[in-house]
Amino acid sequence: MSQLGCSTRLLVIIAAIVAILFIVGLIGGAIGQALDIESPGFLHVPVLEIHEFFKGDAIFEVGGFSISNTMIAAWVTVVLVVGIALAATRKMRIIPRRLQGLVEVGLEALLNFVEGVAGKKNGRRFFPVVATIFIFVIFNAYLALFPFFGP
């Protein structure tokens, strides 16, 4: 028995399966196609070009750099989140008012979730990154409900 609670034989089998899947993925995937590696027909996976799949609608250009609706939505999201953060923390009190209380409840719930997943010590360590990504994504998703920013 290993320290992980399962036999070494089982770990070797799992590692072999993962290695085989990794090699098959390399041969049949984008790297195999880029290197012109001949693969059997059942391994061939069509690869989309990322710039075609995630292409935003260019609205205007600035110095040869196109500004898309996705970029504008991200900027608006950042301005909105920073504005709410500034408004909530402008006149902080021991007994919070409406906006400060709402922001505190949301951050406390998110902190409890992160601590529940990563533990008390690591949860507080990872919280700034996780909260930043979560808040940006959730605000951006809600912003997409408006007609101009939607898909």
C-alpha atoms as a PDB file:
ATOM      1  CA  MET A   1       0.000   0.000   0.000  1.00  0.00           C
ATOM      2  CA  SER A   2       1.235   3.447  -0.858  1.00  0.00           C
ATOM      3  CA  GLN A   3       0.610   6.592   1.140  1.00  0.00           C
ATOM      4  CA  LEU A   4      -2.293   7.475  -1.168  1.00  0.00           C
ATOM      5  CA  GLY A   5      -4.342   4.589   0.171  1.00  0.00           C
ATOM      6  CA  CYS A   6      -4.211   2.367  -2.909  1.00  0.00           C
ATOM      7  CA  SER A   7      -1.809  -0.227  -4.199  1.00  0.00           C
ATOM      8  CA  THR A   8       1.260   0.610  -6.232  1.00  0.00           C
ATOM      9  CA  ARG A   9      -0.009  -1.695  -8.972  1.00  0.00           C
ATOM     10  CA  LEU A  10      -3.185   0.370  -9.330  1.00  0.00           C
ATOM     11  CA  LEU A  11      -1.148   3.581  -9.519  1.00  0.00           C
ATOM     12  CA  VAL A  12       1.020   2.090 -12.281  1.00  0.00           C
ATOM     13  CA  ILE A  13      -2.077   1.051 -14.251  1.00  0.00           C
ATOM     14  CA  ILE A  14      -3.619   4.512 -13.914  1.00  0.00           C
ATOM     15  CA  ALA A  15      -0.329   6.174 -14.913  1.00  0.00           C
ATOM     16  CA  ALA A  16      -0.070   3.900 -17.973  1.00  0.00           C
ATOM     17  CA  ILE A  17      -3.626   4.735 -19.056  1.00  0.00           C
ATOM     18  CA  VAL A  18      -2.989   8.455 -18.635  1.00  0.00           C
ATOM     19  CA  ALA A  19       0.277   8.185 -20.602  1.00  0.00           C
ATOM     20  CA  ILE A  20      -1.446   6.301 -23.438  1.00  0.00           C
ATOM     21  CA  LEU A  21      -4.246   8.873 -23.589  1.00  0.00           C
ATOM     22  CA  PHE A  22      -1.669  11.668 -23.597  1.00  0.00           C
ATOM     23  CA  ILE A  23       0.269  10.129 -26.491  1.00  0.00           C
ATOM     24  CA  VAL A  24      -2.914   9.447 -28.470  1.00  0.00           C
ATOM     25  CA  GLY A  25      -4.003  13.034 -27.853  1.00  0.00           C
ATOM     26  CA  LEU A  26      -0.679  14.356 -29.095  1.00  0.00           C
ATOM     27  CA  ILE A  27      -0.708  12.246 -32.237  1.00  0.00           C
ATOM     28  CA  GLY A  28      -4.348  12.824 -33.126  1.00  0.00           C
ATOM     29  CA  GLY A  29      -4.648  16.391 -31.919  1.00  0.00           C
ATOM     30  CA  ALA A  30      -3.351  19.774 -32.925  1.00  0.00           C
ATOM     31  CA  ILE A  31       0.313  19.007 -32.268  1.00  0.00           C
ATOM     32  CA  GLY A  32       0.182  15.865 -34.400  1.00  0.00           C
ATOM     33  CA  GLN A  33      -1.468  17.773 -37.224  1.00  0.00           C
ATOM     34  CA  ALA A  34       1.018  20.631 -36.966  1.00  0.00           C
ATOM     35  CA  LEU A  35       3.940  18.194 -37.157  1.00  0.00           C
ATOM     36  CA  ASP A  36       2.288  16.265 -40.029  1.00  0.00           C
ATOM     37  CA  ILE A  37       2.301  13.014 -38.088  1.00  0.00           C
ATOM     38  CA  GLU A  38       0.276  10.382 -39.911  1.00  0.00           C
ATOM     39  CA  SER A  39      -2.366   9.042 -37.576  1.00  0.00           C
ATOM     40  CA  PRO A  40      -5.035   6.415 -38.109  1.00  0.00           C
ATOM     41  CA  GLY A  41      -8.410   7.734 -39.219  1.00  0.00           C
ATOM     42  CA  PHE A  42     -10.079   7.098 -35.877  1.00  0.00           C
ATOM     43  CA  LEU A  43      -7.554   9.369 -34.131  1.00  0.00           C
ATOM     44  CA  HIS A  44      -8.085  12.339 -36.414  1.00  0.00           C
ATOM     45  CA  VAL A  45      -9.745  15.227 -34.601  1.00  0.00           C
ATOM     46  CA  PRO A  46     -10.601  18.373 -36.554  1.00  0.00           C
ATOM     47  CA  VAL A  47      -8.850  21.366 -35.023  1.00  0.00           C
ATOM     48  CA  LEU A  48     -10.447  24.789 -35.154  1.00  0.00           C
ATOM     49  CA  GLU A  49      -8.246  27.808 -35.456  1.00  0.00           C
ATOM     50  CA  ILE A  50      -8.662  29.721 -32.220  1.00  0.00           C
ATOM     51  CA  HIS A  51      -8.711  33.116 -33.892  1.00  0.00           C
ATOM     52  CA  GLU A  52     -11.658  31.998 -36.025  1.00  0.00           C
ATOM     53  CA  PHE A  53     -13.576  30.374 -33.194  1.00  0.00           C
ATOM     54  CA  PHE A  54     -13.280  33.244 -30.690  1.00  0.00           C
ATOM     55  CA  LYS A  55     -13.302  36.065 -33.176  1.00  0.00           C
ATOM     56  CA  GLY A  56     -15.082  39.141 -31.853  1.00  0.00           C
ATOM     57  CA  ASP A  57     -16.891  41.659 -33.998  1.00  0.00           C
ATOM     58  CA  ALA A  58     -14.500  44.527 -34.685  1.00  0.00           C
ATOM     59  CA  ILE A  59     -16.269  47.814 -34.058  1.00  0.00           C
ATOM     60  CA  PHE A  60     -13.432  50.209 -34.854  1.00  0.00           C
ATOM     61  CA  GLU A  61      -9.658  50.348 -35.092  1.00  0.00           C
ATOM     62  CA  VAL A  62      -7.083  52.369 -33.214  1.00  0.00           C
ATOM     63  CA  GLY A  63      -3.657  52.452 -34.828  1.00  0.00           C
ATOM     64  CA  GLY A  64      -4.183  49.178 -36.668  1.00  0.00           C
ATOM     65  CA  PHE A  65      -5.466  47.448 -33.527  1.00  0.00           C
ATOM     66  CA  SER A  66      -9.107  46.423 -33.808  1.00  0.00           C
ATOM     67  CA  ILE A  67     -11.386  47.060 -30.855  1.00  0.00           C
ATOM     68  CA  SER A  68     -14.061  44.376 -30.586  1.00  0.00           C
ATOM     69  CA  ASN A  69     -17.335  44.264 -28.715  1.00  0.00           C
ATOM     70  CA  THR A  70     -15.786  41.685 -26.374  1.00  0.00           C
ATOM     71  CA  MET A  71     -12.993  44.069 -25.436  1.00  0.00           C
ATOM     72  CA  ILE A  72     -15.442  46.897 -24.801  1.00  0.00           C
ATOM     73  CA  ALA A  73     -17.560  44.583 -22.635  1.00  0.00           C
ATOM     74  CA  ALA A  74     -14.466  43.671 -20.604  1.00  0.00           C
ATOM     75  CA  TRP A  75     -13.607  47.347 -20.115  1.00  0.00           C
ATOM     76  CA  VAL A  76     -17.161  48.150 -19.044  1.00  0.00           C
ATOM     77  CA  THR A  77     -17.073  45.216 -16.619  1.00  0.00           C
ATOM     78  CA  VAL A  78     -13.835  46.443 -15.060  1.00  0.00           C
ATOM     79  CA  VAL A  79     -15.184  49.992 -14.720  1.00  0.00           C
ATOM     80  CA  LEU A  80     -18.418  48.671 -13.190  1.00  0.00           C
ATOM     81  CA  VAL A  81     -16.659  46.408 -10.668  1.00  0.00           C
ATOM     82  CA  VAL A  82     -14.157  49.095  -9.663  1.00  0.00           C
ATOM     83  CA  GLY A  83     -16.982  51.633  -9.363  1.00  0.00           C
ATOM     84  CA  ILE A  84     -18.986  49.351  -7.078  1.00  0.00           C
ATOM     85  CA  ALA A  85     -15.884  48.609  -4.992  1.00  0.00           C
ATOM     86  CA  LEU A  86     -15.095  52.311  -4.616  1.00  0.00           C
ATOM     87  CA  ALA A  87     -18.692  53.186  -3.768  1.00  0.00           C
ATOM     88  CA  ALA A  88     -18.923  50.375  -1.212  1.00  0.00           C
ATOM     89  CA  THR A  89     -15.671  51.295   0.535  1.00  0.00           C
ATOM     90  CA  ARG A  90     -15.860  55.086   0.308  1.00  0.00           C
ATOM     91  CA  LYS A  91     -17.447  55.635   3.720  1.00  0.00           C
ATOM     92  CA  MET A  92     -16.929  52.349   5.517  1.00  0.00           C
ATOM     93  CA  ARG A  93     -18.569  51.919   8.905  1.00  0.00           C
ATOM     94  CA  ILE A  94     -18.511  49.361  11.666  1.00  0.00           C
ATOM     95  CA  ILE A  95     -22.228  48.815  11.089  1.00  0.00           C
ATOM     96  CA  PRO A  96     -22.384  48.652   7.301  1.00  0.00           C
ATOM     97  CA  ARG A  97     -24.986  50.400   5.219  1.00  0.00           C
ATOM     98  CA  ARG A  98     -26.729  48.904   2.189  1.00  0.00           C
ATOM     99  CA  LEU A  99     -24.028  48.682  -0.470  1.00  0.00           C
ATOM    100  CA  GLN A 100     -21.202  47.970   1.957  1.00  0.00           C
ATOM    101  CA  GLY A 101     -23.271  45.237   3.594  1.00  0.00           C
ATOM    102  CA  LEU A 102     -24.170  43.699   0.245  1.00  0.00           C
ATOM    103  CA  VAL A 103     -20.532  43.617  -0.866  1.00  0.00           C
ATOM    104  CA  GLU A 104     -19.417  42.207   2.496  1.00  0.00           C
ATOM    105  CA  VAL A 105     -22.037  39.444   2.359  1.00  0.00           C
ATOM    106  CA  GLY A 106     -21.002  38.509  -1.176  1.00  0.00           C
ATOM    107  CA  LEU A 107     -17.292  38.465  -0.387  1.00  0.00           C
ATOM    108  CA  GLU A 108     -17.853  36.543   2.843  1.00  0.00           C
ATOM    109  CA  ALA A 109     -19.884  33.903   1.003  1.00  0.00           C
ATOM    110  CA  LEU A 110     -17.199  33.605  -1.654  1.00  0.00           C
ATOM    111  CA  LEU A 111     -14.468  33.389   1.005  1.00  0.00           C
ATOM    112  CA  ASN A 112     -16.359  30.636   2.833  1.00  0.00           C
ATOM    113  CA  PHE A 113     -16.737  28.732  -0.428  1.00  0.00           C
ATOM    114  CA  VAL A 114     -13.031  29.014  -1.265  1.00  0.00           C
ATOM    115  CA  GLU A 115     -12.047  28.027   2.278  1.00  0.00           C
ATOM    116  CA  GLY A 116     -14.409  25.061   2.088  1.00  0.00           C
ATOM    117  CA  VAL A 117     -12.711  23.848  -1.072  1.00  0.00           C
ATOM    118  CA  ALA A 118      -9.064  24.711  -0.371  1.00  0.00           C
ATOM    119  CA  GLY A 119      -8.971  24.719   3.439  1.00  0.00           C
ATOM    120  CA  LYS A 120      -8.607  27.625   5.848  1.00  0.00           C
ATOM    121  CA  LYS A 121      -4.944  28.421   5.156  1.00  0.00           C
ATOM    122  CA  ASN A 122      -4.924  27.906   1.383  1.00  0.00           C
ATOM    123  CA  GLY A 123      -8.379  29.417   0.992  1.00  0.00           C
ATOM    124  CA  ARG A 124      -7.203  32.768   2.294  1.00  0.00           C
ATOM    125  CA  ARG A 125      -4.082  32.493   0.165  1.00  0.00           C
ATOM    126  CA  PHE A 126      -5.976  31.788  -3.072  1.00  0.00           C
ATOM    127  CA  PHE A 127      -8.971  34.002  -2.332  1.00  0.00           C
ATOM    128  CA  PRO A 128      -7.793  37.198  -4.086  1.00  0.00           C
ATOM    129  CA  VAL A 129      -7.151  35.395  -7.373  1.00  0.00           C
ATOM    130  CA  VAL A 130     -10.288  33.250  -7.231  1.00  0.00           C
ATOM    131  CA  ALA A 131     -12.485  36.183  -6.204  1.00  0.00           C
ATOM    132  CA  THR A 132     -11.084  38.428  -8.933  1.00  0.00           C
ATOM    133  CA  ILE A 133     -11.712  35.867 -11.650  1.00  0.00           C
ATOM    134  CA  PHE A 134     -15.157  34.938 -10.299  1.00  0.00           C
ATOM    135  CA  ILE A 135     -16.347  38.529  -9.921  1.00  0.00           C
ATOM    136  CA  PHE A 136     -15.095  39.489 -13.389  1.00  0.00           C
ATOM    137  CA  VAL A 137     -16.710  36.464 -15.041  1.00  0.00           C
ATOM    138  CA  ILE A 138     -20.046  36.812 -13.230  1.00  0.00           C
ATOM    139  CA  PHE A 139     -20.324  40.537 -13.959  1.00  0.00           C
ATOM    140  CA  ASN A 140     -19.336  39.964 -17.570  1.00  0.00           C
ATOM    141  CA  ALA A 141     -21.963  37.220 -17.882  1.00  0.00           C
ATOM    142  CA  TYR A 142     -24.672  39.483 -16.500  1.00  0.00           C
ATOM    143  CA  LEU A 143     -23.501  42.292 -18.764  1.00  0.00           C
ATOM    144  CA  ALA A 144     -23.988  39.968 -21.743  1.00  0.00           C
ATOM    145  CA  LEU A 145     -27.726  40.022 -21.034  1.00  0.00           C
ATOM    146  CA  PHE A 146     -27.884  43.595 -22.303  1.00  0.00           C
ATOM    147  CA  PRO A 147     -28.604  43.906 -26.033  1.00  0.00           C
ATOM    148  CA  PHE A 148     -25.396  45.663 -27.119  1.00  0.00           C
ATOM    149  CA  PHE A 149     -23.045  43.294 -25.290  1.00  0.00           C
ATOM    150  CA  GLY A 150     -24.794  39.997 -26.013  1.00  0.00           C
ATOM    151  CA  PRO A 151     -23.660  37.427 -28.561  1.00  0.00           C
END
